[in-house]
Amino acid sequence: MSRRSRTLSLSLMALLYVGAGIMHFVKPKVYAKIVPPYLPVPLTLVYVSGVAELAGGLGLLLSATRRPAAWGLILLLLAVFPANVYMARHNDELFRLPTWAVWARLPLQLVLIGWAWQFASPQPRLTGNVAR
């Protein structure tokens, strides 16, 4: 991936997570609806995940925190997966969104994990001695 493409990808990812994190505070009750009932304190979990998204998105922007932020986002995506499954299974009672859309969120999580992985894994350093 070219440096320009990488920078664009990183910027879009940061914007996505900062925006999503902000929405957890703007519309917390919407997010609380998809917290499975077996988990306690849904609003607290919404706020915690919102902070995690904000921290991850902002952390991506600094080279010193980029890898830990990307790993944190990967862990967050895994942690919220049960909420996405719950939303898909109970869509008719919760939101009545198009069925294909709520089920498409599940494999989308893998895409988002792969996207974050690009910034979680070490990047090779280019030097002047690299063969072209």
N, C-alpha and C. Protein backbone atom coordinates (compact mmCIF):
# COMPACT_ATOMS: atom_id res chain seq x y z
N MET A 1 0.86 -1.17 0.00
CA MET A 1 0.00 0.00 0.00
C MET A 1 0.91 1.24 0.00
N SER A 2 0.60 2.17 -0.85
CA SER A 2 1.40 3.39 -0.92
C SER A 2 1.22 4.22 0.35
N ARG A 3 2.16 5.08 0.61
CA ARG A 3 2.09 5.93 1.80
C ARG A 3 0.82 6.79 1.77
N ARG A 4 0.48 7.29 0.60
CA ARG A 4 -0.72 8.12 0.48
C ARG A 4 -1.99 7.31 0.77
N SER A 5 -2.07 6.11 0.21
CA SER A 5 -3.23 5.24 0.46
C SER A 5 -3.33 4.87 1.93
N ARG A 6 -2.18 4.58 2.52
CA ARG A 6 -2.15 4.22 3.94
C ARG A 6 -2.64 5.39 4.80
N THR A 7 -2.18 6.59 4.48
CA THR A 7 -2.59 7.77 5.23
C THR A 7 -4.09 8.01 5.08
N LEU A 8 -4.61 7.86 3.88
CA LEU A 8 -6.04 8.03 3.65
C LEU A 8 -6.84 6.97 4.41
N SER A 9 -6.39 5.72 4.34
CA SER A 9 -7.07 4.64 5.05
C SER A 9 -7.07 4.89 6.55
N LEU A 10 -5.94 5.29 7.06
CA LEU A 10 -5.80 5.58 8.49
C LEU A 10 -6.71 6.73 8.91
N SER A 11 -6.75 7.77 8.11
CA SER A 11 -7.59 8.93 8.42
C SER A 11 -9.07 8.57 8.40
N LEU A 12 -9.48 7.78 7.42
CA LEU A 12 -10.88 7.35 7.35
C LEU A 12 -11.25 6.48 8.54
N MET A 13 -10.34 5.58 8.91
CA MET A 13 -10.61 4.72 10.06
C MET A 13 -10.73 5.55 11.33
N ALA A 14 -9.82 6.47 11.52
CA ALA A 14 -9.88 7.33 12.71
C ALA A 14 -11.19 8.11 12.75
N LEU A 15 -11.58 8.67 11.62
CA LEU A 15 -12.83 9.43 11.53
C LEU A 15 -14.03 8.54 11.85
N LEU A 16 -14.04 7.33 11.32
CA LEU A 16 -15.13 6.38 11.58
C LEU A 16 -15.28 6.13 13.08
N TYR A 17 -14.17 5.82 13.76
CA TYR A 17 -14.26 5.48 15.18
C TYR A 17 -14.53 6.69 16.06
N VAL A 18 -13.96 7.83 15.72
CA VAL A 18 -14.26 9.04 16.50
C VAL A 18 -15.74 9.39 16.34
N GLY A 19 -16.24 9.31 15.12
CA GLY A 19 -17.66 9.59 14.88
C GLY A 19 -18.56 8.61 15.61
N ALA A 20 -18.22 7.33 15.54
CA ALA A 20 -19.03 6.32 16.24
C ALA A 20 -18.96 6.52 17.75
N GLY A 21 -17.78 6.85 18.25
CA GLY A 21 -17.63 7.09 19.68
C GLY A 21 -18.49 8.26 20.14
N ILE A 22 -18.49 9.33 19.38
CA ILE A 22 -19.31 10.50 19.71
C ILE A 22 -20.79 10.11 19.74
N MET A 23 -21.22 9.31 18.77
CA MET A 23 -22.63 8.92 18.71
C MET A 23 -23.06 8.11 19.93
N HIS A 24 -22.13 7.41 20.58
CA HIS A 24 -22.47 6.68 21.80
C HIS A 24 -22.92 7.64 22.91
N PHE A 25 -22.47 8.88 22.85
CA PHE A 25 -22.85 9.87 23.85
C PHE A 25 -24.03 10.72 23.39
N VAL A 26 -24.21 10.84 22.09
CA VAL A 26 -25.33 11.61 21.53
C VAL A 26 -26.62 10.80 21.61
N LYS A 27 -26.56 9.52 21.28
CA LYS A 27 -27.74 8.64 21.25
C LYS A 27 -27.50 7.37 22.07
N PRO A 28 -27.17 7.48 23.34
CA PRO A 28 -26.82 6.28 24.11
C PRO A 28 -27.95 5.26 24.22
N LYS A 29 -29.19 5.72 24.26
CA LYS A 29 -30.30 4.78 24.42
C LYS A 29 -30.47 3.88 23.20
N VAL A 30 -30.12 4.39 22.03
CA VAL A 30 -30.18 3.58 20.81
C VAL A 30 -29.18 2.43 20.92
N TYR A 31 -27.97 2.75 21.37
CA TYR A 31 -26.94 1.72 21.52
C TYR A 31 -27.28 0.76 22.66
N ALA A 32 -27.88 1.28 23.72
CA ALA A 32 -28.23 0.43 24.86
C ALA A 32 -29.23 -0.65 24.47
N LYS A 33 -30.07 -0.38 23.48
CA LYS A 33 -31.05 -1.38 23.02
C LYS A 33 -30.40 -2.65 22.52
N ILE A 34 -29.18 -2.56 21.99
CA ILE A 34 -28.57 -3.75 21.40
C ILE A 34 -27.63 -4.47 22.37
N VAL A 35 -27.52 -3.97 23.59
CA VAL A 35 -26.74 -4.69 24.60
C VAL A 35 -27.57 -5.89 25.02
N PRO A 36 -27.02 -7.10 24.88
CA PRO A 36 -27.80 -8.29 25.25
C PRO A 36 -28.23 -8.21 26.72
N PRO A 37 -29.43 -8.69 27.03
CA PRO A 37 -29.98 -8.56 28.38
C PRO A 37 -29.17 -9.30 29.45
N TYR A 38 -28.34 -10.26 29.06
CA TYR A 38 -27.54 -10.97 30.06
C TYR A 38 -26.34 -10.15 30.53
N LEU A 39 -26.10 -9.00 29.89
CA LEU A 39 -25.01 -8.12 30.34
C LEU A 39 -25.59 -7.02 31.23
N PRO A 40 -24.91 -6.72 32.34
CA PRO A 40 -25.43 -5.70 33.26
C PRO A 40 -25.15 -4.29 32.75
N VAL A 41 -25.79 -3.34 33.35
CA VAL A 41 -25.60 -1.90 33.15
C VAL A 41 -25.38 -1.49 31.69
N PRO A 42 -26.41 -1.65 30.85
CA PRO A 42 -26.25 -1.37 29.43
C PRO A 42 -25.74 0.04 29.11
N LEU A 43 -26.26 1.06 29.79
CA LEU A 43 -25.80 2.43 29.48
C LEU A 43 -24.33 2.61 29.82
N THR A 44 -23.89 2.02 30.91
CA THR A 44 -22.47 2.10 31.27
C THR A 44 -21.62 1.44 30.19
N LEU A 45 -22.06 0.29 29.72
CA LEU A 45 -21.32 -0.40 28.65
C LEU A 45 -21.29 0.42 27.37
N VAL A 46 -22.37 1.11 27.08
CA VAL A 46 -22.41 1.99 25.90
C VAL A 46 -21.38 3.10 26.05
N TYR A 47 -21.35 3.73 27.22
CA TYR A 47 -20.39 4.82 27.44
C TYR A 47 -18.95 4.31 27.40
N VAL A 48 -18.71 3.15 28.00
CA VAL A 48 -17.35 2.58 27.98
C VAL A 48 -16.92 2.28 26.55
N SER A 49 -17.82 1.68 25.77
CA SER A 49 -17.46 1.38 24.38
C SER A 49 -17.30 2.66 23.57
N GLY A 50 -18.06 3.69 23.89
CA GLY A 50 -17.90 4.98 23.22
C GLY A 50 -16.54 5.60 23.51
N VAL A 51 -16.12 5.54 24.77
CA VAL A 51 -14.79 6.04 25.14
C VAL A 51 -13.72 5.24 24.42
N ALA A 52 -13.90 3.92 24.35
CA ALA A 52 -12.92 3.06 23.68
C ALA A 52 -12.82 3.41 22.19
N GLU A 53 -13.95 3.68 21.56
CA GLU A 53 -13.92 4.07 20.15
C GLU A 53 -13.24 5.42 19.96
N LEU A 54 -13.55 6.36 20.82
CA LEU A 54 -12.89 7.67 20.74
C LEU A 54 -11.39 7.54 20.95
N ALA A 55 -11.00 6.81 21.98
CA ALA A 55 -9.57 6.63 22.26
C ALA A 55 -8.87 5.90 21.12
N GLY A 56 -9.52 4.87 20.60
CA GLY A 56 -8.92 4.14 19.48
C GLY A 56 -8.78 4.99 18.25
N GLY A 57 -9.83 5.72 17.91
CA GLY A 57 -9.78 6.58 16.73
C GLY A 57 -8.72 7.66 16.84
N LEU A 58 -8.67 8.31 17.99
CA LEU A 58 -7.66 9.35 18.20
C LEU A 58 -6.26 8.74 18.29
N GLY A 59 -6.16 7.57 18.92
CA GLY A 59 -4.87 6.90 19.04
C GLY A 59 -4.27 6.51 17.70
N LEU A 60 -5.11 6.25 16.72
CA LEU A 60 -4.62 5.91 15.39
C LEU A 60 -3.84 7.06 14.75
N LEU A 61 -4.14 8.27 15.16
CA LEU A 61 -3.56 9.45 14.52
C LEU A 61 -2.12 9.72 14.94
N LEU A 62 -1.70 9.15 16.06
CA LEU A 62 -0.34 9.38 16.55
C LEU A 62 0.50 8.13 16.32
N SER A 63 1.65 8.29 15.71
CA SER A 63 2.47 7.11 15.40
C SER A 63 2.87 6.35 16.67
N ALA A 64 3.06 7.06 17.78
CA ALA A 64 3.47 6.39 19.02
C ALA A 64 2.37 5.50 19.60
N THR A 65 1.11 5.81 19.31
CA THR A 65 -0.01 5.05 19.88
C THR A 65 -0.78 4.25 18.83
N ARG A 66 -0.35 4.31 17.60
CA ARG A 66 -1.11 3.70 16.50
C ARG A 66 -1.30 2.20 16.68
N ARG A 67 -0.22 1.47 16.92
CA ARG A 67 -0.36 0.00 17.04
C ARG A 67 -1.22 -0.38 18.25
N PRO A 68 -0.97 0.17 19.45
CA PRO A 68 -1.85 -0.19 20.56
C PRO A 68 -3.30 0.21 20.32
N ALA A 69 -3.52 1.34 19.68
CA ALA A 69 -4.89 1.78 19.38
C ALA A 69 -5.56 0.79 18.43
N ALA A 70 -4.83 0.35 17.41
CA ALA A 70 -5.40 -0.61 16.46
C ALA A 70 -5.72 -1.93 17.16
N TRP A 71 -4.82 -2.39 18.03
CA TRP A 71 -5.09 -3.62 18.79
C TRP A 71 -6.31 -3.43 19.69
N GLY A 72 -6.42 -2.26 20.31
CA GLY A 72 -7.58 -1.98 21.15
C GLY A 72 -8.87 -2.01 20.36
N LEU A 73 -8.84 -1.48 19.14
CA LEU A 73 -10.04 -1.50 18.29
C LEU A 73 -10.39 -2.92 17.87
N ILE A 74 -9.38 -3.73 17.60
CA ILE A 74 -9.65 -5.14 17.27
C ILE A 74 -10.34 -5.83 18.45
N LEU A 75 -9.81 -5.61 19.64
CA LEU A 75 -10.43 -6.21 20.83
C LEU A 75 -11.84 -5.67 21.05
N LEU A 76 -12.03 -4.40 20.81
CA LEU A 76 -13.36 -3.80 20.94
C LEU A 76 -14.34 -4.43 19.96
N LEU A 77 -13.90 -4.61 18.72
CA LEU A 77 -14.78 -5.23 17.71
C LEU A 77 -15.18 -6.64 18.12
N LEU A 78 -14.25 -7.37 18.71
CA LEU A 78 -14.58 -8.71 19.21
C LEU A 78 -15.54 -8.62 20.40
N ALA A 79 -15.33 -7.65 21.27
CA ALA A 79 -16.16 -7.51 22.47
C ALA A 79 -17.60 -7.12 22.14
N VAL A 80 -17.79 -6.30 21.10
CA VAL A 80 -19.15 -5.86 20.78
C VAL A 80 -19.87 -6.81 19.82
N PHE A 81 -19.18 -7.84 19.37
CA PHE A 81 -19.81 -8.78 18.44
C PHE A 81 -21.10 -9.37 18.99
N PRO A 82 -21.16 -9.77 20.28
CA PRO A 82 -22.43 -10.28 20.80
C PRO A 82 -23.58 -9.28 20.67
N ALA A 83 -23.30 -8.00 20.79
CA ALA A 83 -24.35 -6.98 20.62
C ALA A 83 -24.85 -6.96 19.18
N ASN A 84 -23.95 -7.15 18.23
CA ASN A 84 -24.37 -7.18 16.83
C ASN A 84 -25.20 -8.43 16.53
N VAL A 85 -24.83 -9.54 17.13
CA VAL A 85 -25.62 -10.78 16.97
C VAL A 85 -27.00 -10.58 17.60
N TYR A 86 -27.02 -10.00 18.80
CA TYR A 86 -28.30 -9.75 19.47
C TYR A 86 -29.18 -8.83 18.62
N MET A 87 -28.58 -7.80 18.06
CA MET A 87 -29.33 -6.87 17.20
C MET A 87 -29.91 -7.59 15.99
N ALA A 88 -29.11 -8.45 15.37
CA ALA A 88 -29.58 -9.18 14.19
C ALA A 88 -30.73 -10.13 14.55
N ARG A 89 -30.59 -10.81 15.68
CA ARG A 89 -31.60 -11.79 16.06
C ARG A 89 -32.90 -11.15 16.56
N HIS A 90 -32.81 -9.93 17.05
CA HIS A 90 -33.99 -9.27 17.64
C HIS A 90 -34.35 -7.98 16.91
N ASN A 91 -33.95 -7.89 15.67
CA ASN A 91 -34.17 -6.69 14.88
C ASN A 91 -35.64 -6.29 14.81
N ASP A 92 -36.54 -7.26 14.65
CA ASP A 92 -37.96 -6.93 14.51
C ASP A 92 -38.51 -6.21 15.75
N GLU A 93 -38.01 -6.59 16.93
CA GLU A 93 -38.49 -5.94 18.15
C GLU A 93 -37.74 -4.65 18.44
N LEU A 94 -36.50 -4.55 17.95
CA LEU A 94 -35.66 -3.40 18.31
C LEU A 94 -35.77 -2.23 17.33
N PHE A 95 -35.53 -2.51 16.05
CA PHE A 95 -35.40 -1.41 15.09
C PHE A 95 -36.21 -1.58 13.81
N ARG A 96 -36.47 -2.81 13.43
CA ARG A 96 -37.15 -3.10 12.15
C ARG A 96 -36.37 -2.55 10.95
N LEU A 97 -35.08 -2.74 10.99
CA LEU A 97 -34.22 -2.38 9.86
C LEU A 97 -34.30 -3.49 8.82
N PRO A 98 -33.85 -3.25 7.60
CA PRO A 98 -33.84 -4.33 6.62
C PRO A 98 -33.02 -5.52 7.15
N THR A 99 -33.60 -6.70 7.03
CA THR A 99 -32.96 -7.90 7.57
C THR A 99 -31.55 -8.08 7.03
N TRP A 100 -31.38 -7.87 5.72
CA TRP A 100 -30.05 -8.06 5.13
C TRP A 100 -29.03 -7.12 5.77
N ALA A 101 -29.46 -5.92 6.17
CA ALA A 101 -28.52 -4.94 6.72
C ALA A 101 -28.00 -5.35 8.09
N VAL A 102 -28.90 -5.83 8.94
CA VAL A 102 -28.44 -6.21 10.28
C VAL A 102 -27.58 -7.47 10.25
N TRP A 103 -27.88 -8.38 9.34
CA TRP A 103 -27.05 -9.58 9.22
C TRP A 103 -25.73 -9.27 8.52
N ALA A 104 -25.71 -8.28 7.66
CA ALA A 104 -24.47 -7.88 6.97
C ALA A 104 -23.47 -7.28 7.95
N ARG A 105 -23.94 -6.76 9.06
CA ARG A 105 -23.02 -6.21 10.07
C ARG A 105 -22.08 -7.26 10.62
N LEU A 106 -22.53 -8.51 10.66
CA LEU A 106 -21.70 -9.55 11.27
C LEU A 106 -20.42 -9.80 10.47
N PRO A 107 -20.50 -10.10 9.16
CA PRO A 107 -19.24 -10.25 8.42
C PRO A 107 -18.48 -8.93 8.26
N LEU A 108 -19.20 -7.82 8.35
CA LEU A 108 -18.53 -6.52 8.28
C LEU A 108 -17.54 -6.37 9.43
N GLN A 109 -17.85 -6.99 10.57
CA GLN A 109 -16.92 -6.95 11.70
C GLN A 109 -15.56 -7.52 11.29
N LEU A 110 -15.57 -8.59 10.49
CA LEU A 110 -14.31 -9.17 10.03
C LEU A 110 -13.55 -8.20 9.14
N VAL A 111 -14.27 -7.49 8.29
CA VAL A 111 -13.64 -6.48 7.43
C VAL A 111 -13.01 -5.39 8.29
N LEU A 112 -13.73 -4.94 9.31
CA LEU A 112 -13.20 -3.90 10.18
C LEU A 112 -11.99 -4.39 10.97
N ILE A 113 -12.01 -5.65 11.39
CA ILE A 113 -10.85 -6.23 12.07
C ILE A 113 -9.66 -6.28 11.13
N GLY A 114 -9.89 -6.71 9.89
CA GLY A 114 -8.81 -6.73 8.90
C GLY A 114 -8.24 -5.35 8.63
N TRP A 115 -9.11 -4.37 8.59
CA TRP A 115 -8.68 -2.99 8.37
C TRP A 115 -7.80 -2.52 9.52
N ALA A 116 -8.24 -2.79 10.75
CA ALA A 116 -7.44 -2.40 11.91
C ALA A 116 -6.12 -3.17 11.96
N TRP A 117 -6.16 -4.42 11.50
CA TRP A 117 -4.95 -5.25 11.51
C TRP A 117 -3.82 -4.61 10.71
N GLN A 118 -4.17 -3.91 9.65
CA GLN A 118 -3.15 -3.23 8.84
C GLN A 118 -2.32 -2.27 9.68
N PHE A 119 -2.92 -1.71 10.71
CA PHE A 119 -2.22 -0.74 11.53
C PHE A 119 -1.75 -1.34 12.85
N ALA A 120 -2.20 -2.55 13.16
CA ALA A 120 -1.77 -3.24 14.38
C ALA A 120 -0.48 -4.01 14.14
N SER A 121 -0.29 -4.47 12.93
CA SER A 121 0.91 -5.26 12.62
C SER A 121 2.09 -4.33 12.32
N PRO A 122 3.30 -4.79 12.64
CA PRO A 122 4.47 -3.95 12.37
C PRO A 122 4.62 -3.68 10.88
N GLN A 123 5.04 -2.48 10.56
CA GLN A 123 5.25 -2.10 9.16
C GLN A 123 6.73 -2.17 8.84
N PRO A 124 7.07 -2.74 7.69
CA PRO A 124 8.49 -2.77 7.32
C PRO A 124 9.00 -1.35 7.10
N ARG A 125 10.22 -1.12 7.52
CA ARG A 125 10.83 0.20 7.32
C ARG A 125 11.59 0.19 6.01
N LEU A 126 11.38 1.20 5.22
CA LEU A 126 12.09 1.32 3.95
C LEU A 126 13.38 2.09 4.18
N THR A 127 14.44 1.59 3.59
CA THR A 127 15.72 2.30 3.68
C THR A 127 16.22 2.55 2.28
N GLY A 128 17.27 3.33 2.18
CA GLY A 128 17.85 3.63 0.87
C GLY A 128 18.46 2.42 0.20
N ASN A 129 18.70 1.34 0.95
CA ASN A 129 19.34 0.15 0.41
C ASN A 129 18.36 -0.91 -0.06
N VAL A 130 17.09 -0.61 -0.01
CA VAL A 130 16.07 -1.59 -0.41
C VAL A 130 16.10 -1.76 -1.92
N ALA A 131 16.14 -3.02 -2.36
CA ALA A 131 16.13 -3.28 -3.81
C ALA A 131 14.78 -2.89 -4.38
N ARG A 132 14.79 -2.35 -5.57
CA ARG A 132 13.52 -1.93 -6.20
C ARG A 132 13.08 -2.92 -7.21
